[in-house]
Amino acid sequence: MGQTDSQFKAFIRFVLDALREVCEEENPEKRQAKMDRILDNLQKTLED
């Protein structure tokens, strides 16, 4: 079953928000942890 345009846009908004949060993080270790979490979530989404 595919996604509607609205569902896809909501997913993109989620990803953009998460990436913006990473960009705002000043602590390099926390920034890397957040980026790793995003990448892991995206990978899991592809595998589902």
PDB file of N, CA and C in Angstrom:
ATOM      1  N   MET A   1       0.836  -1.170   0.000  1.00  0.00           N
ATOM      2  CA  MET A   1       0.000   0.000   0.000  1.00  0.00           C
ATOM      3  C   MET A   1       0.886   1.241   0.000  1.00  0.00           C
ATOM      4  N   GLY A   2       0.610   2.193  -0.874  1.00  0.00           N
ATOM      5  CA  GLY A   2       1.414   3.389  -1.001  1.00  0.00           C
ATOM      6  C   GLY A   2       0.964   4.503  -0.070  1.00  0.00           C
ATOM      7  N   GLN A   3       1.703   5.576  -0.128  1.00  0.00           N
ATOM      8  CA  GLN A   3       1.398   6.747   0.674  1.00  0.00           C
ATOM      9  C   GLN A   3       0.675   7.777  -0.160  1.00  0.00           C
ATOM     10  N   THR A   4      -0.117   8.571   0.530  1.00  0.00           N
ATOM     11  CA  THR A   4      -0.710   9.713  -0.146  1.00  0.00           C
ATOM     12  C   THR A   4       0.330  10.831  -0.157  1.00  0.00           C
ATOM     13  N   ASP A   5       0.093  11.839  -0.967  1.00  0.00           N
ATOM     14  CA  ASP A   5       0.999  12.994  -0.988  1.00  0.00           C
ATOM     15  C   ASP A   5       1.088  13.636   0.393  1.00  0.00           C
ATOM     16  N   SER A   6      -0.032  13.741   1.080  1.00  0.00           N
ATOM     17  CA  SER A   6      -0.049  14.352   2.413  1.00  0.00           C
ATOM     18  C   SER A   6       0.784  13.551   3.404  1.00  0.00           C
ATOM     19  N   GLN A   7       0.705  12.234   3.333  1.00  0.00           N
ATOM     20  CA  GLN A   7       1.499  11.399   4.231  1.00  0.00           C
ATOM     21  C   GLN A   7       2.989  11.539   3.938  1.00  0.00           C
ATOM     22  N   PHE A   8       3.329  11.587   2.668  1.00  0.00           N
ATOM     23  CA  PHE A   8       4.728  11.737   2.289  1.00  0.00           C
ATOM     24  C   PHE A   8       5.268  13.090   2.750  1.00  0.00           C
ATOM     25  N   LYS A   9       4.479  14.145   2.566  1.00  0.00           N
ATOM     26  CA  LYS A   9       4.897  15.479   3.002  1.00  0.00           C
ATOM     27  C   LYS A   9       5.081  15.534   4.516  1.00  0.00           C
ATOM     28  N   ALA A  10       4.218  14.856   5.250  1.00  0.00           N
ATOM     29  CA  ALA A  10       4.347  14.803   6.709  1.00  0.00           C
ATOM     30  C   ALA A  10       5.650  14.106   7.098  1.00  0.00           C
ATOM     31  N   PHE A  11       5.994  13.043   6.395  1.00  0.00           N
ATOM     32  CA  PHE A  11       7.245  12.342   6.657  1.00  0.00           C
ATOM     33  C   PHE A  11       8.451  13.251   6.390  1.00  0.00           C
ATOM     34  N   ILE A  12       8.398  13.973   5.280  1.00  0.00           N
ATOM     35  CA  ILE A  12       9.494  14.891   4.941  1.00  0.00           C
ATOM     36  C   ILE A  12       9.616  15.995   5.992  1.00  0.00           C
ATOM     37  N   ARG A  13       8.482  16.512   6.462  1.00  0.00           N
ATOM     38  CA  ARG A  13       8.515  17.530   7.522  1.00  0.00           C
ATOM     39  C   ARG A  13       9.186  16.987   8.781  1.00  0.00           C
ATOM     40  N   PHE A  14       8.883  15.741   9.129  1.00  0.00           N
ATOM     41  CA  PHE A  14       9.502  15.104  10.282  1.00  0.00           C
ATOM     42  C   PHE A  14      11.020  15.030  10.108  1.00  0.00           C
ATOM     43  N   VAL A  15      11.458  14.586   8.944  1.00  0.00           N
ATOM     44  CA  VAL A  15      12.894  14.457   8.681  1.00  0.00           C
ATOM     45  C   VAL A  15      13.575  15.824   8.719  1.00  0.00           C
ATOM     46  N   LEU A  16      12.968  16.821   8.089  1.00  0.00           N
ATOM     47  CA  LEU A  16      13.540  18.171   8.104  1.00  0.00           C
ATOM     48  C   LEU A  16      13.655  18.715   9.521  1.00  0.00           C
ATOM     49  N   ASP A  17      12.633  18.515  10.323  1.00  0.00           N
ATOM     50  CA  ASP A  17      12.653  18.986  11.704  1.00  0.00           C
ATOM     51  C   ASP A  17      13.780  18.311  12.486  1.00  0.00           C
ATOM     52  N   ALA A  18      13.927  17.016  12.304  1.00  0.00           N
ATOM     53  CA  ALA A  18      14.981  16.280  13.002  1.00  0.00           C
ATOM     54  C   ALA A  18      16.362  16.762  12.560  1.00  0.00           C
ATOM     55  N   LEU A  19      16.544  17.008  11.272  1.00  0.00           N
ATOM     56  CA  LEU A  19      17.840  17.483  10.769  1.00  0.00           C
ATOM     57  C   LEU A  19      18.150  18.902  11.247  1.00  0.00           C
ATOM     58  N   ARG A  20      17.117  19.733  11.310  1.00  0.00           N
ATOM     59  CA  ARG A  20      17.329  21.091  11.834  1.00  0.00           C
ATOM     60  C   ARG A  20      17.757  21.051  13.291  1.00  0.00           C
ATOM     61  N   GLU A  21      17.166  20.134  14.048  1.00  0.00           N
ATOM     62  CA  GLU A  21      17.542  19.986  15.452  1.00  0.00           C
ATOM     63  C   GLU A  21      19.010  19.587  15.570  1.00  0.00           C
ATOM     64  N   VAL A  22      19.453  18.698  14.691  1.00  0.00           N
ATOM     65  CA  VAL A  22      20.858  18.281  14.692  1.00  0.00           C
ATOM     66  C   VAL A  22      21.757  19.473  14.378  1.00  0.00           C
ATOM     67  N   CYS A  23      21.384  20.271  13.404  1.00  0.00           N
ATOM     68  CA  CYS A  23      22.195  21.431  13.016  1.00  0.00           C
ATOM     69  C   CYS A  23      22.329  22.443  14.145  1.00  0.00           C
ATOM     70  N   GLU A  24      21.309  22.542  14.989  1.00  0.00           N
ATOM     71  CA  GLU A  24      21.330  23.501  16.092  1.00  0.00           C
ATOM     72  C   GLU A  24      22.126  23.007  17.296  1.00  0.00           C
ATOM     73  N   GLU A  25      22.406  21.723  17.355  1.00  0.00           N
ATOM     74  CA  GLU A  25      23.133  21.153  18.490  1.00  0.00           C
ATOM     75  C   GLU A  25      24.595  21.575  18.443  1.00  0.00           C
ATOM     76  N   GLU A  26      25.062  22.182  19.521  1.00  0.00           N
ATOM     77  CA  GLU A  26      26.448  22.657  19.566  1.00  0.00           C
ATOM     78  C   GLU A  26      27.435  21.598  20.064  1.00  0.00           C
ATOM     79  N   ASN A  27      26.949  20.710  20.899  1.00  0.00           N
ATOM     80  CA  ASN A  27      27.807  19.657  21.446  1.00  0.00           C
ATOM     81  C   ASN A  27      28.034  18.594  20.370  1.00  0.00           C
ATOM     82  N   PRO A  28      29.288  18.386  19.945  1.00  0.00           N
ATOM     83  CA  PRO A  28      29.560  17.435  18.864  1.00  0.00           C
ATOM     84  C   PRO A  28      29.110  16.005  19.177  1.00  0.00           C
ATOM     85  N   GLU A  29      29.248  15.581  20.417  1.00  0.00           N
ATOM     86  CA  GLU A  29      28.855  14.221  20.775  1.00  0.00           C
ATOM     87  C   GLU A  29      27.339  14.058  20.714  1.00  0.00           C
ATOM     88  N   LYS A  30      26.612  15.047  21.210  1.00  0.00           N
ATOM     89  CA  LYS A  30      25.151  14.996  21.150  1.00  0.00           C
ATOM     90  C   LYS A  30      24.678  15.104  19.703  1.00  0.00           C
ATOM     91  N   ARG A  31      25.354  15.964  18.918  1.00  0.00           N
ATOM     92  CA  ARG A  31      24.993  16.119  17.509  1.00  0.00           C
ATOM     93  C   ARG A  31      25.146  14.787  16.777  1.00  0.00           C
ATOM     94  N   GLN A  32      26.253  14.099  17.035  1.00  0.00           N
ATOM     95  CA  GLN A  32      26.485  12.808  16.378  1.00  0.00           C
ATOM     96  C   GLN A  32      25.464  11.769  16.826  1.00  0.00           C
ATOM     97  N   ALA A  33      25.126  11.768  18.106  1.00  0.00           N
ATOM     98  CA  ALA A  33      24.134  10.817  18.614  1.00  0.00           C
ATOM     99  C   ALA A  33      22.776  11.056  17.962  1.00  0.00           C
ATOM    100  N   LYS A  34      22.399  12.319  17.811  1.00  0.00           N
ATOM    101  CA  LYS A  34      21.121  12.644  17.168  1.00  0.00           C
ATOM    102  C   LYS A  34      21.132  12.228  15.701  1.00  0.00           C
ATOM    103  N   MET A  35      22.247  12.487  15.024  1.00  0.00           N
ATOM    104  CA  MET A  35      22.351  12.106  13.609  1.00  0.00           C
ATOM    105  C   MET A  35      22.295  10.587  13.461  1.00  0.00           C
ATOM    106  N   ASP A  36      22.977   9.877  14.347  1.00  0.00           N
ATOM    107  CA  ASP A  36      22.935   8.410  14.305  1.00  0.00           C
ATOM    108  C   ASP A  36      21.512   7.900  14.497  1.00  0.00           C
ATOM    109  N   ARG A  37      20.751   8.534  15.405  1.00  0.00           N
ATOM    110  CA  ARG A  37      19.370   8.132  15.648  1.00  0.00           C
ATOM    111  C   ARG A  37      18.511   8.353  14.401  1.00  0.00           C
ATOM    112  N   ILE A  38      18.694   9.493  13.745  1.00  0.00           N
ATOM    113  CA  ILE A  38      17.945   9.780  12.516  1.00  0.00           C
ATOM    114  C   ILE A  38      18.273   8.758  11.437  1.00  0.00           C
ATOM    115  N   LEU A  39      19.554   8.503  11.244  1.00  0.00           N
ATOM    116  CA  LEU A  39      19.974   7.539  10.227  1.00  0.00           C
ATOM    117  C   LEU A  39      19.434   6.139  10.526  1.00  0.00           C
ATOM    118  N   ASP A  40      19.458   5.752  11.786  1.00  0.00           N
ATOM    119  CA  ASP A  40      18.940   4.446  12.172  1.00  0.00           C
ATOM    120  C   ASP A  40      17.435   4.364  11.897  1.00  0.00           C
ATOM    121  N   ASN A  41      16.707   5.416  12.236  1.00  0.00           N
ATOM    122  CA  ASN A  41      15.266   5.434  11.993  1.00  0.00           C
ATOM    123  C   ASN A  41      14.950   5.368  10.507  1.00  0.00           C
ATOM    124  N   LEU A  42      15.706   6.108   9.693  1.00  0.00           N
ATOM    125  CA  LEU A  42      15.491   6.072   8.248  1.00  0.00           C
ATOM    126  C   LEU A  42      15.778   4.676   7.679  1.00  0.00           C
ATOM    127  N   GLN A  43      16.848   4.050   8.164  1.00  0.00           N
ATOM    128  CA  GLN A  43      17.180   2.701   7.705  1.00  0.00           C
ATOM    129  C   GLN A  43      16.079   1.726   8.070  1.00  0.00           C
ATOM    130  N   LYS A  44      15.573   1.811   9.295  1.00  0.00           N
ATOM    131  CA  LYS A  44      14.475   0.930   9.715  1.00  0.00           C
ATOM    132  C   LYS A  44      13.236   1.150   8.865  1.00  0.00           C
ATOM    133  N   THR A  45      12.984   2.401   8.494  1.00  0.00           N
ATOM    134  CA  THR A  45      11.826   2.705   7.655  1.00  0.00           C
ATOM    135  C   THR A  45      11.965   2.021   6.290  1.00  0.00           C
ATOM    136  N   LEU A  46      13.168   2.019   5.744  1.00  0.00           N
ATOM    137  CA  LEU A  46      13.397   1.359   4.462  1.00  0.00           C
ATOM    138  C   LEU A  46      13.218  -0.153   4.561  1.00  0.00           C
ATOM    139  N   GLU A  47      13.548  -0.719   5.702  1.00  0.00           N
ATOM    140  CA  GLU A  47      13.491  -2.172   5.873  1.00  0.00           C
ATOM    141  C   GLU A  47      12.086  -2.678   6.187  1.00  0.00           C
ATOM    142  N   ASP A  48      11.205  -1.793   6.618  1.00  0.00           N
ATOM    143  CA  ASP A  48       9.831  -2.202   6.968  1.00  0.00           C
ATOM    144  C   ASP A  48       9.020  -2.536   5.740  1.00  0.00           C
TER     145      ASP A  48
END
